[in-house]
């Protein structure tokens, strides 16, 4: 006889695999959020650097390479900043595509797990 009005549903090996997969996807989703935030900040910083470079009158500017600043011609720095912005934008695009894919997979797993376990399982963020 059941107490508390709850229903007991047996958790199969496949159900446990789906729950584990959902957890891994959720962790990756949060990692991607952080990576996307960093990529956006980098993009903004590169945009700001490009704008500052436009305002300067100097032909040679200091450009940071690793931990060292080197005197580099302004034209070369403009080209490098543009290349860096392209790379960062492509990376940001990939990260956002992966995030969308993960959201779709998580939605599918939620549908399966909530279909079987109803209110017995909580897959929502707090």
N, C-alpha and C. Protein backbone atom coordinates (compact mmCIF):
# COMPACT_ATOMS: atom_id res chain seq x y z
N UNK A 1 0.83 -1.17 0.00
CA UNK A 1 0.00 0.00 0.00
C UNK A 1 0.88 1.25 0.00
N UNK A 2 0.60 2.19 -0.89
CA UNK A 2 1.41 3.39 -1.01
C UNK A 2 0.94 4.44 -0.03
N UNK A 3 1.91 5.19 0.48
CA UNK A 3 1.59 6.26 1.41
C UNK A 3 1.97 7.60 0.80
N UNK A 4 1.33 8.65 1.21
CA UNK A 4 1.68 9.99 0.77
C UNK A 4 1.13 10.34 -0.60
N UNK A 5 0.38 9.49 -1.23
CA UNK A 5 -0.22 9.79 -2.52
C UNK A 5 0.76 9.80 -3.67
N UNK A 6 2.04 9.51 -3.43
CA UNK A 6 3.04 9.51 -4.51
C UNK A 6 2.98 8.21 -5.28
N UNK A 7 3.47 8.25 -6.48
CA UNK A 7 3.49 7.02 -7.27
C UNK A 7 4.93 6.57 -7.44
N UNK A 8 5.15 5.32 -7.29
CA UNK A 8 6.47 4.74 -7.44
C UNK A 8 6.63 4.24 -8.87
N UNK A 9 7.61 4.76 -9.57
CA UNK A 9 7.91 4.30 -10.92
C UNK A 9 9.31 3.72 -10.89
N UNK A 10 9.44 2.53 -11.43
CA UNK A 10 10.73 1.88 -11.44
C UNK A 10 11.67 2.58 -12.41
N UNK A 11 12.90 2.83 -11.96
CA UNK A 11 13.91 3.49 -12.80
C UNK A 11 14.73 2.40 -13.47
N UNK A 12 14.62 2.31 -14.78
CA UNK A 12 15.37 1.30 -15.52
C UNK A 12 16.78 1.82 -15.81
N UNK A 13 17.61 0.92 -16.32
CA UNK A 13 18.98 1.30 -16.69
C UNK A 13 18.94 2.39 -17.76
N UNK A 14 18.04 2.26 -18.71
CA UNK A 14 17.91 3.25 -19.78
C UNK A 14 17.47 4.61 -19.23
N UNK A 15 16.55 4.59 -18.26
CA UNK A 15 16.13 5.84 -17.63
C UNK A 15 17.32 6.51 -16.94
N UNK A 16 18.10 5.70 -16.23
CA UNK A 16 19.26 6.25 -15.53
C UNK A 16 20.26 6.84 -16.52
N UNK A 17 20.43 6.19 -17.67
CA UNK A 17 21.32 6.73 -18.70
C UNK A 17 20.81 8.06 -19.22
N UNK A 18 19.50 8.17 -19.41
CA UNK A 18 18.91 9.44 -19.87
C UNK A 18 19.08 10.55 -18.83
N UNK A 19 18.91 10.20 -17.56
CA UNK A 19 19.09 11.18 -16.48
C UNK A 19 20.55 11.64 -16.45
N UNK A 20 21.48 10.70 -16.56
CA UNK A 20 22.91 11.04 -16.56
C UNK A 20 23.26 11.92 -17.77
N UNK A 21 22.70 11.57 -18.93
CA UNK A 21 22.97 12.35 -20.14
C UNK A 21 22.42 13.77 -19.97
N UNK A 22 21.24 13.90 -19.39
CA UNK A 22 20.67 15.22 -19.15
C UNK A 22 21.59 16.03 -18.24
N UNK A 23 22.12 15.40 -17.21
CA UNK A 23 23.04 16.09 -16.29
C UNK A 23 24.30 16.56 -16.99
N UNK A 24 24.86 15.70 -17.85
CA UNK A 24 26.07 16.09 -18.59
C UNK A 24 25.76 17.25 -19.54
N UNK A 25 24.62 17.16 -20.23
CA UNK A 25 24.24 18.23 -21.14
C UNK A 25 24.00 19.54 -20.39
N UNK A 26 23.39 19.45 -19.22
CA UNK A 26 23.15 20.64 -18.42
C UNK A 26 24.47 21.29 -17.98
N UNK A 27 25.44 20.46 -17.59
CA UNK A 27 26.75 20.98 -17.21
C UNK A 27 27.42 21.68 -18.40
N UNK A 28 27.37 21.04 -19.57
CA UNK A 28 27.97 21.62 -20.77
C UNK A 28 27.25 22.92 -21.15
N UNK A 29 25.94 22.95 -20.96
CA UNK A 29 25.16 24.15 -21.25
C UNK A 29 25.68 25.34 -20.42
N UNK A 30 25.93 25.10 -19.14
CA UNK A 30 26.43 26.17 -18.27
C UNK A 30 27.86 26.56 -18.64
N UNK A 31 28.68 25.58 -19.02
CA UNK A 31 30.04 25.89 -19.49
C UNK A 31 29.98 26.76 -20.74
N UNK A 32 29.08 26.42 -21.65
CA UNK A 32 28.93 27.19 -22.88
C UNK A 32 28.48 28.62 -22.59
N UNK A 33 27.58 28.78 -21.63
CA UNK A 33 27.15 30.13 -21.24
C UNK A 33 28.35 30.98 -20.85
N UNK A 34 29.23 30.39 -20.02
CA UNK A 34 30.43 31.11 -19.59
C UNK A 34 31.35 31.40 -20.76
N UNK A 35 31.56 30.41 -21.63
CA UNK A 35 32.43 30.60 -22.79
C UNK A 35 31.88 31.66 -23.74
N UNK A 36 30.56 31.67 -23.91
CA UNK A 36 29.92 32.68 -24.78
C UNK A 36 30.11 34.07 -24.19
N UNK A 37 29.96 34.18 -22.88
CA UNK A 37 30.15 35.47 -22.23
C UNK A 37 31.58 35.98 -22.45
N UNK A 38 32.57 35.11 -22.30
CA UNK A 38 33.97 35.49 -22.50
C UNK A 38 34.20 35.89 -23.96
N UNK A 39 33.65 35.12 -24.89
CA UNK A 39 33.82 35.43 -26.32
C UNK A 39 33.20 36.78 -26.67
N UNK A 40 32.04 37.08 -26.10
CA UNK A 40 31.40 38.38 -26.36
C UNK A 40 32.24 39.52 -25.80
N UNK A 41 32.78 39.32 -24.60
CA UNK A 41 33.63 40.35 -24.01
C UNK A 41 34.88 40.57 -24.85
N UNK A 42 35.47 39.48 -25.34
CA UNK A 42 36.65 39.58 -26.19
C UNK A 42 36.32 40.34 -27.47
N UNK A 43 35.18 40.01 -28.05
CA UNK A 43 34.74 40.70 -29.27
C UNK A 43 34.58 42.19 -29.02
N UNK A 44 33.96 42.54 -27.91
CA UNK A 44 33.77 43.96 -27.56
C UNK A 44 35.11 44.65 -27.35
N UNK A 45 36.04 43.97 -26.67
CA UNK A 45 37.36 44.55 -26.44
C UNK A 45 38.10 44.78 -27.76
N UNK A 46 38.00 43.83 -28.67
CA UNK A 46 38.65 43.99 -29.97
C UNK A 46 38.01 45.13 -30.76
N UNK A 47 36.70 45.25 -30.65
CA UNK A 47 36.00 46.36 -31.33
C UNK A 47 36.47 47.69 -30.75
N UNK A 48 36.57 47.76 -29.42
CA UNK A 48 37.06 48.98 -28.78
C UNK A 48 38.50 49.30 -29.21
N UNK A 49 39.33 48.27 -29.27
CA UNK A 49 40.73 48.47 -29.68
C UNK A 49 40.78 49.00 -31.11
N UNK A 50 39.96 48.44 -31.99
CA UNK A 50 39.91 48.90 -33.38
C UNK A 50 39.47 50.35 -33.46
N UNK A 51 38.48 50.73 -32.66
CA UNK A 51 38.01 52.12 -32.64
C UNK A 51 39.09 53.07 -32.12
N UNK A 52 39.79 52.66 -31.07
CA UNK A 52 40.88 53.49 -30.53
C UNK A 52 42.00 53.65 -31.55
N UNK A 53 42.24 52.59 -32.30
CA UNK A 53 43.30 52.62 -33.30
C UNK A 53 42.95 53.61 -34.41
N UNK A 54 41.69 53.72 -34.74
CA UNK A 54 41.25 54.67 -35.77
C UNK A 54 41.53 56.10 -35.31
N UNK A 55 41.38 56.34 -34.01
CA UNK A 55 41.54 57.69 -33.47
C UNK A 55 42.99 58.14 -33.32
N UNK A 56 43.92 57.20 -33.34
CA UNK A 56 45.32 57.56 -33.09
C UNK A 56 45.96 58.16 -34.35
N UNK A 57 46.94 59.05 -34.11
CA UNK A 57 47.65 59.70 -35.22
C UNK A 57 48.98 59.01 -35.53
N UNK A 58 49.39 58.12 -34.65
CA UNK A 58 50.72 57.53 -34.77
C UNK A 58 50.77 56.46 -35.86
N UNK A 59 51.96 56.36 -36.50
CA UNK A 59 52.16 55.35 -37.54
C UNK A 59 52.58 54.01 -36.94
N UNK A 60 53.22 54.07 -35.77
CA UNK A 60 53.67 52.87 -35.07
C UNK A 60 53.01 52.87 -33.70
N UNK A 61 52.36 51.75 -33.35
CA UNK A 61 51.68 51.65 -32.05
C UNK A 61 52.22 50.45 -31.29
N UNK A 62 51.98 50.47 -29.98
CA UNK A 62 52.39 49.32 -29.16
C UNK A 62 51.29 48.27 -29.24
N UNK A 63 51.69 47.03 -29.52
CA UNK A 63 50.75 45.92 -29.67
C UNK A 63 51.21 44.80 -28.75
N UNK A 64 50.30 44.27 -27.94
CA UNK A 64 50.67 43.23 -27.00
C UNK A 64 50.69 41.88 -27.69
N UNK A 65 51.85 41.22 -27.59
CA UNK A 65 52.01 39.86 -28.11
C UNK A 65 52.41 39.00 -26.93
N UNK A 66 51.47 38.19 -26.46
CA UNK A 66 51.72 37.42 -25.24
C UNK A 66 51.77 38.37 -24.06
N UNK A 67 52.92 38.42 -23.39
CA UNK A 67 53.07 39.32 -22.25
C UNK A 67 53.97 40.51 -22.57
N UNK A 68 54.33 40.65 -23.85
CA UNK A 68 55.27 41.69 -24.27
C UNK A 68 54.57 42.66 -25.20
N UNK A 69 54.91 43.94 -25.07
CA UNK A 69 54.42 44.95 -26.00
C UNK A 69 55.50 45.20 -27.04
N UNK A 70 55.10 45.20 -28.31
CA UNK A 70 56.04 45.45 -29.40
C UNK A 70 55.55 46.65 -30.20
N UNK A 71 56.48 47.40 -30.78
CA UNK A 71 56.13 48.51 -31.65
C UNK A 71 55.86 47.94 -33.04
N UNK A 72 54.63 48.10 -33.50
CA UNK A 72 54.18 47.50 -34.76
C UNK A 72 53.52 48.60 -35.59
N UNK A 73 53.71 48.56 -36.92
CA UNK A 73 53.04 49.56 -37.76
C UNK A 73 51.52 49.49 -37.59
N UNK A 74 50.89 50.66 -37.61
CA UNK A 74 49.45 50.79 -37.38
C UNK A 74 48.64 49.92 -38.34
N UNK A 75 49.03 49.87 -39.62
CA UNK A 75 48.30 49.07 -40.61
C UNK A 75 48.31 47.58 -40.26
N UNK A 76 49.47 47.12 -39.81
CA UNK A 76 49.57 45.71 -39.44
C UNK A 76 48.71 45.39 -38.22
N UNK A 77 48.67 46.30 -37.26
CA UNK A 77 47.84 46.11 -36.07
C UNK A 77 46.37 46.08 -36.47
N UNK A 78 45.96 46.98 -37.36
CA UNK A 78 44.56 46.98 -37.83
C UNK A 78 44.21 45.63 -38.45
N UNK A 79 45.12 45.10 -39.28
CA UNK A 79 44.87 43.79 -39.91
C UNK A 79 44.78 42.68 -38.88
N UNK A 80 45.69 42.71 -37.90
CA UNK A 80 45.66 41.67 -36.85
C UNK A 80 44.37 41.73 -36.04
N UNK A 81 43.94 42.94 -35.71
CA UNK A 81 42.71 43.08 -34.93
C UNK A 81 41.52 42.56 -35.73
N UNK A 82 41.46 42.86 -37.01
CA UNK A 82 40.37 42.36 -37.86
C UNK A 82 40.39 40.83 -37.91
N UNK A 83 41.58 40.25 -38.06
CA UNK A 83 41.69 38.78 -38.08
C UNK A 83 41.23 38.19 -36.75
N UNK A 84 41.64 38.82 -35.66
CA UNK A 84 41.25 38.33 -34.33
C UNK A 84 39.74 38.43 -34.14
N UNK A 85 39.13 39.51 -34.63
CA UNK A 85 37.68 39.66 -34.53
C UNK A 85 36.97 38.58 -35.33
N UNK A 86 37.48 38.26 -36.53
CA UNK A 86 36.87 37.21 -37.35
C UNK A 86 36.94 35.87 -36.64
N UNK A 87 38.10 35.55 -36.08
CA UNK A 87 38.27 34.28 -35.37
C UNK A 87 37.33 34.21 -34.17
N UNK A 88 37.26 35.29 -33.41
CA UNK A 88 36.40 35.33 -32.23
C UNK A 88 34.93 35.21 -32.63
N UNK A 89 34.54 35.89 -33.70
CA UNK A 89 33.14 35.83 -34.16
C UNK A 89 32.78 34.42 -34.60
N UNK A 90 33.68 33.76 -35.33
CA UNK A 90 33.41 32.38 -35.76
C UNK A 90 33.31 31.45 -34.56
N UNK A 91 34.19 31.65 -33.58
CA UNK A 91 34.15 30.84 -32.36
C UNK A 91 32.84 31.07 -31.62
N UNK A 92 32.41 32.31 -31.52
CA UNK A 92 31.16 32.64 -30.86
C UNK A 92 29.98 31.98 -31.57
N UNK A 93 30.02 32.00 -32.88
CA UNK A 93 28.95 31.38 -33.68
C UNK A 93 28.89 29.87 -33.40
N UNK A 94 30.06 29.22 -33.38
CA UNK A 94 30.11 27.77 -33.09
C UNK A 94 29.55 27.47 -31.70
N UNK A 95 29.95 28.29 -30.73
CA UNK A 95 29.48 28.07 -29.36
C UNK A 95 27.96 28.22 -29.27
N UNK A 96 27.42 29.22 -29.94
CA UNK A 96 25.97 29.42 -29.90
C UNK A 96 25.23 28.30 -30.62
N UNK A 97 25.81 27.77 -31.71
CA UNK A 97 25.20 26.62 -32.40
C UNK A 97 25.20 25.40 -31.49
N UNK A 98 26.32 25.18 -30.80
CA UNK A 98 26.40 24.03 -29.88
C UNK A 98 25.38 24.19 -28.75
N UNK A 99 25.22 25.43 -28.26
CA UNK A 99 24.26 25.69 -27.19
C UNK A 99 22.85 25.37 -27.66
N UNK A 100 22.49 25.76 -28.87
CA UNK A 100 21.16 25.46 -29.42
C UNK A 100 20.96 23.95 -29.55
N UNK A 101 21.98 23.25 -30.00
CA UNK A 101 21.90 21.80 -30.14
C UNK A 101 21.68 21.14 -28.78
N UNK A 102 22.39 21.61 -27.78
CA UNK A 102 22.25 21.05 -26.43
C UNK A 102 20.86 21.33 -25.88
N UNK A 103 20.35 22.55 -26.11
CA UNK A 103 18.99 22.86 -25.65
C UNK A 103 17.96 21.93 -26.28
N UNK A 104 18.13 21.63 -27.57
CA UNK A 104 17.20 20.73 -28.25
C UNK A 104 17.28 19.32 -27.65
N UNK A 105 18.50 18.84 -27.40
CA UNK A 105 18.66 17.50 -26.81
C UNK A 105 18.06 17.46 -25.40
N UNK A 106 18.28 18.53 -24.63
CA UNK A 106 17.73 18.58 -23.27
C UNK A 106 16.21 18.60 -23.31
N UNK A 107 15.62 19.32 -24.24
CA UNK A 107 14.17 19.37 -24.36
C UNK A 107 13.61 17.99 -24.68
N UNK A 108 14.28 17.26 -25.56
CA UNK A 108 13.84 15.91 -25.91
C UNK A 108 13.92 14.98 -24.69
N UNK A 109 15.02 15.07 -23.95
CA UNK A 109 15.17 14.23 -22.75
C UNK A 109 14.13 14.61 -21.68
N UNK A 110 13.85 15.90 -21.54
CA UNK A 110 12.82 16.33 -20.58
C UNK A 110 11.48 15.70 -20.93
N UNK A 111 11.16 15.72 -22.23
CA UNK A 111 9.88 15.17 -22.67
C UNK A 111 9.80 13.68 -22.32
N UNK A 112 10.88 12.96 -22.57
CA UNK A 112 10.91 11.52 -22.27
C UNK A 112 10.80 11.28 -20.77
N UNK A 113 11.63 11.98 -19.99
CA UNK A 113 11.69 11.74 -18.55
C UNK A 113 10.43 12.21 -17.83
N UNK A 114 9.92 13.39 -18.18
CA UNK A 114 8.68 13.86 -17.56
C UNK A 114 7.50 12.97 -18.00
N UNK A 115 7.56 12.43 -19.21
CA UNK A 115 6.50 11.53 -19.67
C UNK A 115 6.41 10.29 -18.80
N UNK A 116 7.56 9.81 -18.36
CA UNK A 116 7.56 8.60 -17.54
C UNK A 116 7.40 8.90 -16.05
N UNK A 117 8.11 9.90 -15.55
CA UNK A 117 8.17 10.12 -14.10
C UNK A 117 7.23 11.22 -13.60
N UNK A 118 6.61 11.97 -14.48
CA UNK A 118 5.68 13.04 -14.11
C UNK A 118 6.32 13.98 -13.08
N UNK A 119 5.68 14.15 -11.92
CA UNK A 119 6.17 15.07 -10.89
C UNK A 119 7.24 14.45 -10.01
N UNK A 120 7.59 13.21 -10.23
CA UNK A 120 8.57 12.53 -9.39
C UNK A 120 10.00 12.99 -9.69
N UNK A 121 10.19 13.72 -10.80
CA UNK A 121 11.53 14.15 -11.19
C UNK A 121 11.49 15.65 -11.46
N UNK A 122 12.56 16.32 -11.09
CA UNK A 122 12.66 17.77 -11.31
C UNK A 122 13.89 18.04 -12.17
N UNK A 123 13.68 18.53 -13.39
CA UNK A 123 14.77 18.82 -14.29
C UNK A 123 14.94 20.31 -14.55
N UNK A 124 14.22 21.11 -13.77
CA UNK A 124 14.25 22.56 -13.97
C UNK A 124 15.35 23.20 -13.11
N UNK A 125 15.83 24.33 -13.57
CA UNK A 125 16.84 25.08 -12.82
C UNK A 125 16.17 25.77 -11.64
N UNK A 126 16.90 25.92 -10.60
CA UNK A 126 16.36 26.59 -9.40
C UNK A 126 16.62 28.07 -9.50
